Amino acid sequence: MNDRLTYEEKKELPDSVFGLPERREYPMPDAAHVRAAEAYFRNCPEALKPQLARAIIAKARKFGVDIKSPTVLSYARE
């Protein structure tokens, strides 16, 4: 799977795979999408960054992805 999901693929995903499940944004069903969420983190609304950062860290652990972004890591600690 690449890091682009079709609308239909995204629609089929459970809320639990999204970094922001209430908005169904930042899907992370696999390692490639965890890396994509890290790359697009800067586009997240400021108020939601701590929540998304923690979700990225949790999914990274699950899929064995090493998060390198100091920004994501710092927001995860908030």
Protein backbone atom coordinates (compact mmCIF):
# COMPACT_ATOMS: atom_id res chain seq x y z
CA MET A 1 0.00 0.00 0.00
CA ASN A 2 1.31 3.46 -0.80
CA ASP A 3 0.66 6.47 1.41
CA ARG A 4 -2.38 7.59 -0.59
CA LEU A 5 -5.78 6.11 0.18
CA THR A 6 -8.74 6.44 -2.12
CA TYR A 7 -11.92 7.91 -0.70
CA GLU A 8 -13.45 4.42 -0.69
CA GLU A 9 -10.46 2.90 1.13
CA LYS A 10 -10.51 5.67 3.73
CA LYS A 11 -14.26 5.27 4.22
CA GLU A 12 -13.79 1.57 5.07
CA LEU A 13 -11.21 2.20 7.81
CA PRO A 14 -12.31 2.06 11.46
CA ASP A 15 -12.05 5.27 13.50
CA SER A 16 -9.32 3.64 15.60
CA VAL A 17 -6.70 3.89 12.83
CA PHE A 18 -6.99 7.68 12.55
CA GLY A 19 -4.70 10.07 14.38
CA LEU A 20 -7.69 12.36 14.85
CA PRO A 21 -10.56 9.83 14.97
CA GLU A 22 -13.33 12.36 15.65
CA ARG A 23 -12.36 14.12 12.40
CA ARG A 24 -11.27 10.93 10.58
CA GLU A 25 -8.00 12.62 9.61
CA TYR A 26 -4.43 11.27 9.49
CA PRO A 27 -5.17 7.60 8.79
CA MET A 28 -2.42 5.27 9.99
CA PRO A 29 -3.35 1.68 9.05
CA ASP A 30 0.31 0.78 8.34
CA ALA A 31 3.92 1.96 8.66
CA ALA A 32 3.84 4.01 5.44
CA HIS A 33 0.89 6.01 6.72
CA VAL A 34 2.56 6.58 10.09
CA ARG A 35 5.50 8.15 8.23
CA ALA A 36 3.05 10.22 6.14
CA ALA A 37 1.28 11.47 9.29
CA GLU A 38 4.67 12.50 10.69
CA ALA A 39 5.47 14.34 7.45
CA TYR A 40 2.12 16.16 7.37
CA PHE A 41 2.03 16.91 11.10
CA ARG A 42 2.74 20.60 10.46
CA ASN A 43 -0.66 20.89 8.73
CA CYS A 44 -2.56 19.82 11.85
CA PRO A 45 -4.48 22.56 13.72
CA GLU A 46 -2.40 23.79 16.67
CA ALA A 47 -4.96 22.76 19.31
CA LEU A 48 -4.98 19.16 18.03
CA LYS A 49 -1.22 18.68 17.69
CA PRO A 50 -0.68 17.07 21.13
CA GLN A 51 -3.42 14.50 20.44
CA LEU A 52 -2.09 13.73 16.97
CA ALA A 53 1.51 13.51 18.19
CA ARG A 54 0.55 10.94 20.84
CA ALA A 55 -1.38 8.93 18.23
CA ILE A 56 1.60 9.00 15.84
CA ILE A 57 3.92 7.76 18.62
CA ALA A 58 1.50 4.96 19.56
CA LYS A 59 1.07 3.80 15.96
CA ALA A 60 4.82 4.10 15.35
CA ARG A 61 5.45 1.70 18.22
CA LYS A 62 2.85 -0.71 16.84
CA PHE A 63 4.40 -0.73 13.35
CA GLY A 64 8.07 -0.40 14.34
CA VAL A 65 8.53 3.09 12.89
CA ASP A 66 11.23 5.35 14.33
CA ILE A 67 9.79 8.86 14.74
CA LYS A 68 12.54 11.37 14.05
CA SER A 69 10.64 14.68 14.10
CA PRO A 70 11.60 16.68 17.21
CA THR A 71 8.36 18.63 16.75
CA VAL A 72 6.18 15.52 16.94
CA LEU A 73 8.19 14.22 19.90
CA SER A 74 7.89 17.51 21.79
CA TYR A 75 4.12 17.75 21.25
CA ALA A 76 3.71 14.14 22.39
CA ARG A 77 5.15 15.14 25.78
CA GLU A 78 2.61 17.94 26.33
